[in-house]
Protein backbone atom coordinates (compact mmCIF):
# COMPACT_ATOMS: atom_id res chain seq x y z
CA UNK A 1 284.32 217.68 189.55
CA UNK A 2 284.06 214.27 187.93
CA UNK A 3 282.39 214.20 184.58
CA UNK A 4 280.81 210.85 183.74
CA UNK A 5 284.18 209.13 183.54
CA UNK A 6 284.08 205.40 183.83
CA UNK A 7 281.79 205.01 186.86
CA UNK A 8 278.91 207.56 186.93
CA UNK A 9 277.42 210.19 184.62
CA UNK A 10 278.07 213.85 185.38
CA UNK A 11 274.39 214.56 186.04
CA UNK A 12 274.34 211.93 188.79
CA UNK A 13 277.34 213.49 190.51
CA UNK A 14 275.82 216.97 190.36
CA UNK A 15 272.72 215.60 192.07
CA UNK A 16 274.59 213.46 194.63
CA UNK A 17 278.05 214.97 195.34
CA UNK A 18 279.03 212.16 197.79
CA UNK A 19 279.11 209.85 194.77
CA UNK A 20 282.24 211.72 193.68
CA UNK A 21 284.26 209.68 196.18
CA UNK A 22 282.99 206.46 194.60
CA UNK A 23 283.87 207.76 191.13
CA UNK A 24 287.33 208.89 192.26
CA UNK A 25 288.06 205.54 193.85
CA UNK A 26 286.62 203.52 190.97
CA UNK A 27 288.58 205.46 188.39
CA UNK A 28 291.79 205.15 190.37
CA UNK A 29 291.37 201.38 190.51
CA UNK A 30 290.51 201.08 186.81
CA UNK A 31 293.36 203.39 185.77
CA UNK A 32 295.75 201.40 187.96
CA UNK A 33 294.71 198.08 186.45
CA UNK A 34 294.94 199.36 182.88
CA UNK A 35 298.37 200.91 183.46
CA UNK A 36 299.76 197.77 185.07
CA UNK A 37 298.34 195.51 182.37
CA UNK A 38 299.58 197.79 179.57
CA UNK A 39 303.05 197.93 181.12
CA UNK A 40 303.12 194.12 181.23
CA UNK A 41 301.69 193.54 177.73
CA UNK A 42 304.07 196.00 176.09
CA UNK A 43 307.03 194.93 178.27
CA UNK A 44 307.67 198.51 179.34
CA UNK A 45 309.83 197.45 182.29
CA UNK A 46 312.29 195.70 179.99
CA UNK A 47 312.51 198.60 177.57
CA UNK A 48 312.76 201.39 180.15
CA UNK A 49 314.84 199.55 182.75
CA UNK A 50 312.43 200.75 185.45
CA UNK A 51 310.60 198.42 187.78
CA UNK A 52 306.84 198.04 187.51
CA UNK A 53 306.51 199.83 190.86
CA UNK A 54 308.64 202.76 189.64
CA UNK A 55 306.67 203.05 186.41
CA UNK A 56 303.39 202.90 188.29
CA UNK A 57 304.28 205.43 191.00
CA UNK A 58 305.70 207.87 188.44
CA UNK A 59 302.55 207.81 186.31
CA UNK A 60 299.36 206.87 188.17
CA UNK A 61 298.47 210.26 189.62
CA UNK A 62 298.95 212.00 186.29
CA UNK A 63 297.02 209.33 184.41
CA UNK A 64 294.23 209.61 186.96
CA UNK A 65 294.15 213.42 186.98
CA UNK A 66 294.42 213.80 183.23
CA UNK A 67 291.65 211.22 182.87
CA UNK A 68 289.31 213.47 184.83
CA UNK A 69 290.37 216.51 182.83
CA UNK A 70 289.82 214.68 179.54
CA UNK A 71 286.41 213.44 180.65
CA UNK A 72 285.47 216.97 181.67
CA UNK A 73 286.40 218.19 178.19
CA UNK A 74 284.12 215.49 176.73
CA UNK A 75 281.33 216.61 179.06
CA UNK A 76 281.79 220.22 177.95
CA UNK A 77 280.80 219.11 174.46
CA UNK A 78 277.64 217.50 175.84
CA UNK A 79 276.85 220.57 177.93
CA UNK A 80 277.38 222.79 174.87
CA UNK A 81 274.73 220.74 173.08
CA UNK A 82 272.22 221.79 175.73
CA UNK A 83 272.58 225.38 174.55
CA UNK A 84 271.83 224.51 170.93
CA UNK A 85 268.32 224.56 169.49
CA UNK A 86 268.06 220.80 168.95
CA UNK A 87 264.86 218.79 168.60
CA UNK A 88 263.49 217.20 171.78
CA UNK A 89 264.17 213.61 170.67
CA UNK A 90 267.86 214.44 170.17
CA UNK A 91 268.09 216.30 173.49
CA UNK A 92 266.33 213.43 175.23
CA UNK A 93 268.85 211.00 173.79
CA UNK A 94 271.82 213.12 174.88
CA UNK A 95 270.56 213.75 178.39
CA UNK A 96 268.60 210.62 179.24
CA UNK A 97 269.07 207.69 176.87
CA UNK A 98 271.44 207.76 173.89
CA UNK A 99 269.80 204.66 172.42
CA UNK A 100 266.55 206.46 171.62
CA UNK A 101 267.87 208.62 168.78
CA UNK A 102 270.70 208.11 166.27
CA UNK A 103 271.85 211.74 166.26
CA UNK A 104 271.82 211.84 170.07
CA UNK A 105 273.82 208.61 170.11
CA UNK A 106 276.37 210.11 167.69
CA UNK A 107 276.69 213.22 169.87
CA UNK A 108 277.41 211.02 172.89
CA UNK A 109 279.99 209.08 170.84
CA UNK A 110 281.58 212.40 169.89
CA UNK A 111 281.88 213.27 173.60
CA UNK A 112 283.48 209.90 174.30
CA UNK A 113 285.79 210.29 171.30
CA UNK A 114 286.83 213.78 172.36
CA UNK A 115 287.60 212.62 175.90
CA UNK A 116 289.48 209.60 174.56
CA UNK A 117 291.54 211.81 172.24
CA UNK A 118 292.56 213.99 175.18
CA UNK A 119 293.36 210.97 177.37
CA UNK A 120 295.76 209.86 174.62
CA UNK A 121 297.17 213.34 174.09
CA UNK A 122 297.77 214.06 177.79
CA UNK A 123 299.39 210.70 178.47
CA UNK A 124 301.54 210.68 175.33
CA UNK A 125 302.78 214.28 175.64
CA UNK A 126 302.91 214.67 179.41
CA UNK A 127 302.51 211.61 181.65
CA UNK A 128 304.82 209.21 179.81
CA UNK A 129 307.08 211.65 177.94
CA UNK A 130 310.00 211.34 180.38
CA UNK A 131 309.18 207.81 181.54
CA UNK A 132 308.85 206.09 178.14
CA UNK A 133 311.20 207.74 175.68
CA UNK A 134 310.44 205.44 172.73
CA UNK A 135 307.55 207.13 170.91
CA UNK A 136 306.01 203.95 169.50
CA UNK A 137 305.88 202.31 172.91
CA UNK A 138 304.58 205.48 174.55
CA UNK A 139 301.93 205.65 171.85
CA UNK A 140 300.81 202.06 172.48
CA UNK A 141 300.46 202.59 176.22
CA UNK A 142 298.69 205.94 175.74
CA UNK A 143 296.35 204.49 173.11
CA UNK A 144 295.50 201.55 175.36
CA UNK A 145 294.60 203.95 178.17
CA UNK A 146 292.58 206.12 175.80
CA UNK A 147 290.54 203.21 174.48
CA UNK A 148 289.97 201.32 177.73
CA UNK A 149 289.47 204.24 180.13
CA UNK A 150 287.37 206.37 177.78
CA UNK A 151 284.17 207.48 179.50
CA UNK A 152 282.05 204.65 178.12
CA UNK A 153 279.44 205.33 180.79
CA UNK A 154 278.33 208.32 178.72
CA UNK A 155 276.35 205.59 176.94
CA UNK A 156 274.51 204.51 180.09
CA UNK A 157 270.99 205.94 180.11
CA UNK A 158 270.82 208.54 182.87
CA UNK A 159 267.15 207.73 183.23
CA UNK A 160 268.20 204.45 184.86
CA UNK A 161 269.61 206.39 187.79
CA UNK A 162 266.47 208.47 188.13
CA UNK A 163 264.34 205.33 188.14
CA UNK A 164 266.69 203.58 190.56
CA UNK A 165 266.32 206.43 193.05
CA UNK A 166 262.65 207.04 192.20
CA UNK A 167 263.42 210.54 190.91
CA UNK A 168 261.55 210.22 187.67
């Protein structure tokens, strides 16, 4: 299951499962672009003596899969909030529009931050561990992925989707 990630919010995917294919494809493309750009910027090919194609094929599926796992972990935080006795304005911000309440906005940022942390952790300790031996370089590539591919769409108001499809 895709959780928000970079294309759609988790609630949208639960309501329209076919959208999962769009999210999977979109995330694969975005992850691919970020990996290739990061490899170029940090000159990973020169330092690892692997071609860009070798680096890409050895890492893309793990980056992609771990990205989904990390986003799901971030969504778990947001789902956990739904079980807490929080005031309606905060709940409304978390579930429909994070820009309507500061605490709701901060909770969404915490979900994004948690997912981003795990994107970094998974890529640094698993995806690139054998591919990029130099820790500083591996850290730069992992941090770039964590920052750019974080699930920033958590910030998109879900109510937009409901209005777009006349659900609300």
